[in-house]
PDB file of N, CA and C in Angstrom:
ATOM      1  N   MET A   1       0.869  -1.251   0.056  1.00  0.00           N
ATOM      2  CA  MET A   1      -0.197   0.010   0.064  1.00  0.00           C
ATOM      3  C   MET A   1       0.903   1.503   0.014  1.00  0.00           C
ATOM      4  N   ALA A   2       0.594   2.195  -0.799  1.00  0.00           N
ATOM      5  CA  ALA A   2       1.509   3.222  -1.016  1.00  0.00           C
ATOM      6  C   ALA A   2       0.994   4.389   0.210  1.00  0.00           C
ATOM      7  N   TRP A   3       1.943   5.258   0.437  1.00  0.00           N
ATOM      8  CA  TRP A   3       1.603   6.247   1.390  1.00  0.00           C
ATOM      9  C   TRP A   3       0.348   7.225   1.212  1.00  0.00           C
ATOM     10  N   HIS A   4       0.179   7.420   0.166  1.00  0.00           N
ATOM     11  CA  HIS A   4      -1.074   8.071   0.046  1.00  0.00           C
ATOM     12  C   HIS A   4      -2.517   7.524   0.119  1.00  0.00           C
ATOM     13  N   GLU A   5      -2.471   5.993  -0.140  1.00  0.00           N
ATOM     14  CA  GLU A   5      -3.583   5.280   0.038  1.00  0.00           C
ATOM     15  C   GLU A   5      -3.532   4.728   1.512  1.00  0.00           C
ATOM     16  N   LEU A   6      -2.503   4.927   2.118  1.00  0.00           N
ATOM     17  CA  LEU A   6      -2.609   4.578   3.872  1.00  0.00           C
ATOM     18  C   LEU A   6      -3.374   5.881   4.286  1.00  0.00           C
ATOM     19  N   ILE A   7      -2.956   7.169   4.106  1.00  0.00           N
ATOM     20  CA  ILE A   7      -3.454   8.308   4.326  1.00  0.00           C
ATOM     21  C   ILE A   7      -4.972   8.530   4.331  1.00  0.00           C
ATOM     22  N   GLY A   8      -5.138   8.044   2.944  1.00  0.00           N
ATOM     23  CA  GLY A   8      -6.709   7.949   2.686  1.00  0.00           C
ATOM     24  C   GLY A   8      -7.454   6.916   3.079  1.00  0.00           C
ATOM     25  N   GLY A   9      -6.871   5.942   3.704  1.00  0.00           N
ATOM     26  CA  GLY A   9      -7.460   4.947   4.166  1.00  0.00           C
ATOM     27  C   GLY A   9      -7.816   5.320   5.838  1.00  0.00           C
ATOM     28  N   VAL A  10      -7.054   5.983   6.527  1.00  0.00           N
ATOM     29  CA  VAL A  10      -7.200   6.496   7.737  1.00  0.00           C
ATOM     30  C   VAL A  10      -8.286   7.407   7.856  1.00  0.00           C
ATOM     31  N   GLY A  11      -8.249   8.396   6.743  1.00  0.00           N
ATOM     32  CA  GLY A  11      -9.261   9.367   6.552  1.00  0.00           C
ATOM     33  C   GLY A  11     -10.680   8.747   6.604  1.00  0.00           C
ATOM     34  N   VAL A  12     -10.945   7.686   5.870  1.00  0.00           N
ATOM     35  CA  VAL A  12     -12.353   6.844   5.608  1.00  0.00           C
ATOM     36  C   VAL A  12     -12.595   6.144   6.636  1.00  0.00           C
ATOM     37  N   ALA A  13     -11.540   5.617   7.567  1.00  0.00           N
ATOM     38  CA  ALA A  13     -11.808   4.835   8.938  1.00  0.00           C
ATOM     39  C   ALA A  13     -12.405   5.974   9.957  1.00  0.00           C
ATOM     40  N   LEU A  14     -11.473   7.068   9.898  1.00  0.00           N
ATOM     41  CA  LEU A  14     -12.102   8.276  10.992  1.00  0.00           C
ATOM     42  C   LEU A  14     -13.526   8.741  10.399  1.00  0.00           C
ATOM     43  N   ILE A  15     -13.831   9.098   9.498  1.00  0.00           N
ATOM     44  CA  ILE A  15     -15.086   9.466   9.300  1.00  0.00           C
ATOM     45  C   ILE A  15     -16.462   8.117   9.571  1.00  0.00           C
ATOM     46  N   LEU A  16     -15.881   6.891   9.025  1.00  0.00           N
ATOM     47  CA  LEU A  16     -16.863   5.938   9.499  1.00  0.00           C
ATOM     48  C   LEU A  16     -17.035   5.970  10.705  1.00  0.00           C
ATOM     49  N   LEU A  17     -15.823   5.975  11.429  1.00  0.00           N
ATOM     50  CA  LEU A  17     -16.013   5.750  13.265  1.00  0.00           C
ATOM     51  C   LEU A  17     -16.523   6.811  13.685  1.00  0.00           C
ATOM     52  N   LEU A  18     -16.385   8.032  13.164  1.00  0.00           N
ATOM     53  CA  LEU A  18     -17.105   9.049  13.810  1.00  0.00           C
ATOM     54  C   LEU A  18     -18.813   9.154  13.345  1.00  0.00           C
ATOM     55  N   ASN A  19     -19.007   8.837  12.032  1.00  0.00           N
ATOM     56  CA  ASN A  19     -20.193   8.736  11.863  1.00  0.00           C
ATOM     57  C   ASN A  19     -21.169   7.537  12.475  1.00  0.00           C
ATOM     58  N   PHE A  20     -20.405   6.043  13.008  1.00  0.00           N
ATOM     59  CA  PHE A  20     -21.196   5.171  13.805  1.00  0.00           C
ATOM     60  C   PHE A  20     -21.184   5.563  15.147  1.00  0.00           C
ATOM     61  N   LEU A  21     -20.263   6.466  15.773  1.00  0.00           N
ATOM     62  CA  LEU A  21     -20.459   7.091  17.144  1.00  0.00           C
ATOM     63  C   LEU A  21     -21.836   7.823  17.305  1.00  0.00           C
ATOM     64  N   VAL A  22     -21.963   8.785  16.021  1.00  0.00           N
ATOM     65  CA  VAL A  22     -23.006   9.475  16.080  1.00  0.00           C
ATOM     66  C   VAL A  22     -24.265   8.719  15.746  1.00  0.00           C
ATOM     67  N   GLN A  23     -24.465   7.774  15.017  1.00  0.00           N
ATOM     68  CA  GLN A  23     -25.554   7.002  14.780  1.00  0.00           C
ATOM     69  C   GLN A  23     -26.035   6.089  16.112  1.00  0.00           C
ATOM     70  N   SER A  24     -25.022   5.881  16.635  1.00  0.00           N
ATOM     71  CA  SER A  24     -25.117   4.843  18.159  1.00  0.00           C
ATOM     72  C   SER A  24     -25.263   5.926  19.113  1.00  0.00           C
ATOM     73  N   SER A  25     -25.608   7.223  18.983  1.00  0.00           N
ATOM     74  CA  SER A  25     -25.711   8.049  20.256  1.00  0.00           C
ATOM     75  C   SER A  25     -24.578   8.076  21.135  1.00  0.00           C
ATOM     76  N   ARG A  26     -23.472   7.900  20.911  1.00  0.00           N
ATOM     77  CA  ARG A  26     -22.343   7.817  21.622  1.00  0.00           C
ATOM     78  C   ARG A  26     -21.322   9.298  21.564  1.00  0.00           C
ATOM     79  N   LEU A  27     -21.769   9.996  20.536  1.00  0.00           N
ATOM     80  CA  LEU A  27     -21.142  11.309  20.136  1.00  0.00           C
ATOM     81  C   LEU A  27     -22.095  11.956  19.390  1.00  0.00           C
ATOM     82  N   ALA A  28     -22.437  13.378  20.082  1.00  0.00           N
ATOM     83  CA  ALA A  28     -23.356  14.335  19.309  1.00  0.00           C
ATOM     84  C   ALA A  28     -22.760  14.976  18.066  1.00  0.00           C
ATOM     85  N   ALA A  29     -23.444  15.011  16.852  1.00  0.00           N
ATOM     86  CA  ALA A  29     -22.786  15.699  15.610  1.00  0.00           C
ATOM     87  C   ALA A  29     -22.314  16.975  15.709  1.00  0.00           C
ATOM     88  N   HIS A  30     -22.793  17.731  16.685  1.00  0.00           N
ATOM     89  CA  HIS A  30     -22.415  19.100  16.753  1.00  0.00           C
ATOM     90  C   HIS A  30     -21.256  19.359  17.278  1.00  0.00           C
ATOM     91  N   ARG A  31     -20.693  18.290  18.087  1.00  0.00           N
ATOM     92  CA  ARG A  31     -19.666  18.414  19.119  1.00  0.00           C
ATOM     93  C   ARG A  31     -18.269  18.761  17.993  1.00  0.00           C
ATOM     94  N   PRO A  32     -17.527  19.588  18.661  1.00  0.00           N
ATOM     95  CA  PRO A  32     -16.045  20.266  17.906  1.00  0.00           C
ATOM     96  C   PRO A  32     -15.404  18.700  17.432  1.00  0.00           C
ATOM     97  N   ALA A  33     -15.367  17.664  18.438  1.00  0.00           N
ATOM     98  CA  ALA A  33     -14.634  16.675  18.149  1.00  0.00           C
ATOM     99  C   ALA A  33     -15.129  15.897  16.712  1.00  0.00           C
ATOM    100  N   CYS A  34     -16.320  15.930  16.696  1.00  0.00           N
ATOM    101  CA  CYS A  34     -16.933  15.402  15.564  1.00  0.00           C
ATOM    102  C   CYS A  34     -16.799  16.296  14.167  1.00  0.00           C
ATOM    103  N   THR A  35     -17.010  17.427  14.224  1.00  0.00           N
ATOM    104  CA  THR A  35     -16.998  18.543  13.098  1.00  0.00           C
ATOM    105  C   THR A  35     -15.418  18.394  12.859  1.00  0.00           C
ATOM    106  N   LEU A  36     -14.549  18.596  13.733  1.00  0.00           N
ATOM    107  CA  LEU A  36     -13.098  18.337  13.165  1.00  0.00           C
ATOM    108  C   LEU A  36     -12.258  17.179  12.728  1.00  0.00           C
ATOM    109  N   GLY A  37     -13.075  16.403  13.480  1.00  0.00           N
ATOM    110  CA  GLY A  37     -12.619  14.733  12.980  1.00  0.00           C
ATOM    111  C   GLY A  37     -13.173  14.575  11.471  1.00  0.00           C
ATOM    112  N   ASN A  38     -14.246  14.910  11.138  1.00  0.00           N
ATOM    113  CA  ASN A  38     -14.797  14.875   9.812  1.00  0.00           C
ATOM    114  C   ASN A  38     -13.813  15.834   8.906  1.00  0.00           C
ATOM    115  N   ALA A  39     -13.538  16.937   9.285  1.00  0.00           N
ATOM    116  CA  ALA A  39     -12.605  17.771   8.543  1.00  0.00           C
ATOM    117  C   ALA A  39     -11.173  17.193   8.267  1.00  0.00           C
ATOM    118  N   ILE A  40     -10.799  16.529   9.370  1.00  0.00           N
ATOM    119  CA  ILE A  40      -9.613  16.033   9.046  1.00  0.00           C
ATOM    120  C   ILE A  40      -9.557  14.688   8.220  1.00  0.00           C
ATOM    121  N   GLY A  41     -10.738  13.830   8.463  1.00  0.00           N
ATOM    122  CA  GLY A  41     -10.825  12.806   7.323  1.00  0.00           C
ATOM    123  C   GLY A  41     -10.833  13.070   6.018  1.00  0.00           C
ATOM    124  N   SER A  42     -11.604  14.172   5.828  1.00  0.00           N
ATOM    125  CA  SER A  42     -11.744  14.579   4.561  1.00  0.00           C
ATOM    126  C   SER A  42     -10.621  15.310   3.835  1.00  0.00           C
ATOM    127  N   ALA A  43      -9.559  15.607   4.616  1.00  0.00           N
ATOM    128  CA  ALA A  43      -8.445  16.207   4.255  1.00  0.00           C
ATOM    129  C   ALA A  43      -7.629  15.073   4.080  1.00  0.00           C
ATOM    130  N   ALA A  44      -7.412  13.786   4.571  1.00  0.00           N
ATOM    131  CA  ALA A  44      -6.633  12.985   4.698  1.00  0.00           C
ATOM    132  C   ALA A  44      -7.257  12.340   3.165  1.00  0.00           C
ATOM    133  N   ILE A  45      -8.437  11.894   3.052  1.00  0.00           N
ATOM    134  CA  ILE A  45      -8.827  11.441   1.635  1.00  0.00           C
ATOM    135  C   ILE A  45      -8.489  12.349   0.507  1.00  0.00           C
ATOM    136  N   LEU A  46      -8.497  13.827   0.584  1.00  0.00           N
ATOM    137  CA  LEU A  46      -7.932  14.411  -0.437  1.00  0.00           C
ATOM    138  C   LEU A  46      -6.556  14.451  -0.700  1.00  0.00           C
ATOM    139  N   VAL A  47      -5.693  14.165   0.182  1.00  0.00           N
ATOM    140  CA  VAL A  47      -4.116  13.570   0.186  1.00  0.00           C
ATOM    141  C   VAL A  47      -4.270  12.487  -0.994  1.00  0.00           C
ATOM    142  N   SER A  48      -4.842  11.662  -0.453  1.00  0.00           N
ATOM    143  CA  SER A  48      -5.033  10.440  -1.131  1.00  0.00           C
ATOM    144  C   SER A  48      -5.402  10.797  -2.595  1.00  0.00           C
ATOM    145  N   LEU A  49      -6.420  11.694  -2.924  1.00  0.00           N
ATOM    146  CA  LEU A  49      -7.218  12.159  -4.307  1.00  0.00           C
ATOM    147  C   LEU A  49      -5.917  13.019  -4.917  1.00  0.00           C
ATOM    148  N   SER A  50      -5.270  13.570  -4.061  1.00  0.00           N
ATOM    149  CA  SER A  50      -4.151  14.174  -5.135  1.00  0.00           C
ATOM    150  C   SER A  50      -3.309  13.264  -5.931  1.00  0.00           C
ATOM    151  N   VAL A  51      -3.004  12.104  -5.545  1.00  0.00           N
ATOM    152  CA  VAL A  51      -2.332  11.715  -6.368  1.00  0.00           C
ATOM    153  C   VAL A  51      -3.304  10.749  -7.290  1.00  0.00           C
ATOM    154  N   ASN A  52      -4.186  10.284  -6.883  1.00  0.00           N
ATOM    155  CA  ASN A  52      -4.746   9.446  -7.595  1.00  0.00           C
ATOM    156  C   ASN A  52      -6.468  10.264  -8.142  1.00  0.00           C
ATOM    157  N   PHE A  53      -6.130  11.159  -8.747  1.00  0.00           N
ATOM    158  CA  PHE A  53      -7.473  12.369  -8.776  1.00  0.00           C
ATOM    159  C   PHE A  53      -8.421  11.394  -9.574  1.00  0.00           C
ATOM    160  N   ASN A  54      -9.822  12.081  -8.617  1.00  0.00           N
ATOM    161  CA  ASN A  54     -11.136  11.714  -9.250  1.00  0.00           C
ATOM    162  C   ASN A  54     -11.861  12.657  -8.960  1.00  0.00           C
ATOM    163  N   PRO A  55     -12.360  13.215  -9.836  1.00  0.00           N
ATOM    164  CA  PRO A  55     -13.100  14.533 -10.126  1.00  0.00           C
ATOM    165  C   PRO A  55     -14.294  14.663  -9.023  1.00  0.00           C
ATOM    166  N   PRO A  56     -15.167  13.633  -9.343  1.00  0.00           N
ATOM    167  CA  PRO A  56     -16.090  13.471  -8.524  1.00  0.00           C
ATOM    168  C   PRO A  56     -16.206  13.238  -7.028  1.00  0.00           C
ATOM    169  N   ALA A  57     -15.130  12.491  -6.595  1.00  0.00           N
ATOM    170  CA  ALA A  57     -14.637  12.454  -5.158  1.00  0.00           C
ATOM    171  C   ALA A  57     -14.153  13.414  -4.715  1.00  0.00           C
ATOM    172  N   ALA A  58     -13.167  14.339  -5.357  1.00  0.00           N
ATOM    173  CA  ALA A  58     -12.652  15.500  -4.899  1.00  0.00           C
ATOM    174  C   ALA A  58     -13.956  16.269  -4.501  1.00  0.00           C
ATOM    175  N   LEU A  59     -14.915  16.441  -5.359  1.00  0.00           N
ATOM    176  CA  LEU A  59     -15.543  17.492  -5.097  1.00  0.00           C
ATOM    177  C   LEU A  59     -16.839  17.098  -3.945  1.00  0.00           C
ATOM    178  N   VAL A  60     -16.589  15.836  -3.433  1.00  0.00           N
ATOM    179  CA  VAL A  60     -17.500  15.344  -2.404  1.00  0.00           C
ATOM    180  C   VAL A  60     -16.725  15.740  -1.204  1.00  0.00           C
ATOM    181  N   GLU A  61     -15.311  15.350  -1.276  1.00  0.00           N
ATOM    182  CA  GLU A  61     -14.435  15.632  -0.308  1.00  0.00           C
ATOM    183  C   GLU A  61     -14.221  17.334   0.200  1.00  0.00           C
ATOM    184  N   ILE A  62     -14.090  18.025  -0.592  1.00  0.00           N
ATOM    185  CA  ILE A  62     -14.227  19.371  -0.574  1.00  0.00           C
ATOM    186  C   ILE A  62     -15.278  19.816   0.142  1.00  0.00           C
ATOM    187  N   ALA A  63     -16.442  19.428  -0.483  1.00  0.00           N
ATOM    188  CA  ALA A  63     -17.519  19.958   0.070  1.00  0.00           C
ATOM    189  C   ALA A  63     -17.995  19.330   1.502  1.00  0.00           C
ATOM    190  N   TRP A  64     -17.508  18.129   1.965  1.00  0.00           N
ATOM    191  CA  TRP A  64     -17.384  17.484   3.346  1.00  0.00           C
ATOM    192  C   TRP A  64     -16.536  18.511   4.001  1.00  0.00           C
ATOM    193  N   LEU A  65     -15.195  18.762   3.825  1.00  0.00           N
ATOM    194  CA  LEU A  65     -14.270  19.505   4.346  1.00  0.00           C
ATOM    195  C   LEU A  65     -15.171  20.853   4.765  1.00  0.00           C
ATOM    196  N   ALA A  66     -15.705  21.666   3.706  1.00  0.00           N
ATOM    197  CA  ALA A  66     -16.155  22.879   4.137  1.00  0.00           C
ATOM    198  C   ALA A  66     -17.208  22.982   4.599  1.00  0.00           C
ATOM    199  N   ILE A  67     -18.098  21.934   4.782  1.00  0.00           N
ATOM    200  CA  ILE A  67     -19.156  21.990   5.694  1.00  0.00           C
ATOM    201  C   ILE A  67     -18.998  21.638   7.124  1.00  0.00           C
ATOM    202  N   SER A  68     -17.863  20.735   7.198  1.00  0.00           N
ATOM    203  CA  SER A  68     -17.175  20.308   8.764  1.00  0.00           C
ATOM    204  C   SER A  68     -16.478  21.561   9.277  1.00  0.00           C
ATOM    205  N   LEU A  69     -15.684  22.301   8.480  1.00  0.00           N
ATOM    206  CA  LEU A  69     -15.237  23.258   9.086  1.00  0.00           C
ATOM    207  C   LEU A  69     -16.115  24.548   9.233  1.00  0.00           C
ATOM    208  N   TYR A  70     -17.364  24.595   8.633  1.00  0.00           N
ATOM    209  CA  TYR A  70     -18.181  25.424   8.964  1.00  0.00           C
ATOM    210  C   TYR A  70     -18.964  25.154  10.322  1.00  0.00           C
ATOM    211  N   GLY A  71     -19.114  23.895  10.514  1.00  0.00           N
ATOM    212  CA  GLY A  71     -19.920  23.465  11.552  1.00  0.00           C
ATOM    213  C   GLY A  71     -18.805  23.887  12.761  1.00  0.00           C
ATOM    214  N   PHE A  72     -17.494  23.441  12.741  1.00  0.00           N
ATOM    215  CA  PHE A  72     -16.580  23.684  13.760  1.00  0.00           C
ATOM    216  C   PHE A  72     -16.260  25.376  14.117  1.00  0.00           C
ATOM    217  N   ALA A  73     -16.448  25.921  12.959  1.00  0.00           N
ATOM    218  CA  ALA A  73     -16.296  27.624  12.999  1.00  0.00           C
ATOM    219  C   ALA A  73     -17.443  28.026  13.825  1.00  0.00           C
ATOM    220  N   ARG A  74     -18.528  27.614  13.706  1.00  0.00           N
ATOM    221  CA  ARG A  74     -19.958  27.945  14.048  1.00  0.00           C
ATOM    222  C   ARG A  74     -20.128  27.635  15.633  1.00  0.00           C
ATOM    223  N   HIS A  75     -19.519  26.545  15.725  1.00  0.00           N
ATOM    224  CA  HIS A  75     -19.526  25.996  17.305  1.00  0.00           C
ATOM    225  C   HIS A  75     -18.564  26.862  18.020  1.00  0.00           C
ATOM    226  N   SER A  76     -17.862  27.024  17.524  1.00  0.00           N
ATOM    227  CA  SER A  76     -16.369  27.705  18.140  1.00  0.00           C
ATOM    228  C   SER A  76     -16.788  29.377  18.493  1.00  0.00           C
ATOM    229  N   LEU A  77     -17.279  30.103  17.404  1.00  0.00           N
ATOM    230  CA  LEU A  77     -18.070  31.384  17.550  1.00  0.00           C
ATOM    231  C   LEU A  77     -19.056  31.488  18.507  1.00  0.00           C
ATOM    232  N   ARG A  78     -19.906  30.517  18.585  1.00  0.00           N
ATOM    233  CA  ARG A  78     -21.162  30.277  19.375  1.00  0.00           C
ATOM    234  C   ARG A  78     -20.687  30.341  21.166  1.00  0.00           C
ATOM    235  N   ARG A  79     -19.491  29.903  21.056  1.00  0.00           N
ATOM    236  CA  ARG A  79     -18.748  29.675  22.761  1.00  0.00           C
ATOM    237  C   ARG A  79     -18.055  30.580  23.045  1.00  0.00           C
ATOM    238  N   SER A  80     -17.734  31.403  21.978  1.00  0.00           N
ATOM    239  CA  SER A  80     -16.804  32.683  22.231  1.00  0.00           C
ATOM    240  C   SER A  80     -17.637  33.844  23.255  1.00  0.00           C
ATOM    241  N   PRO A  81     -16.986  34.386  24.113  1.00  0.00           N
ATOM    242  CA  PRO A  81     -17.540  35.268  25.325  1.00  0.00           C
ATOM    243  C   PRO A  81     -17.861  36.670  24.263  1.00  0.00           C
TER     244      PRO A  81
END
């Protein structure tokens, strides 16, 4: 397995784990750990896609990354004094 495939695989595993935790009510989807973890997972998948580019997959991951970062920023701003 090449380095970029390993990084992408870790990203997929992270996103799947977080989604399982949300669906099993062990983690709230709005928690910073969830939104930041999704962003990290998407970024890792994008690293993999940078070597073996696939436009539709890249579009999904860019959107997932943007949505995750939006959720993280929204939560962070809401908690600021």
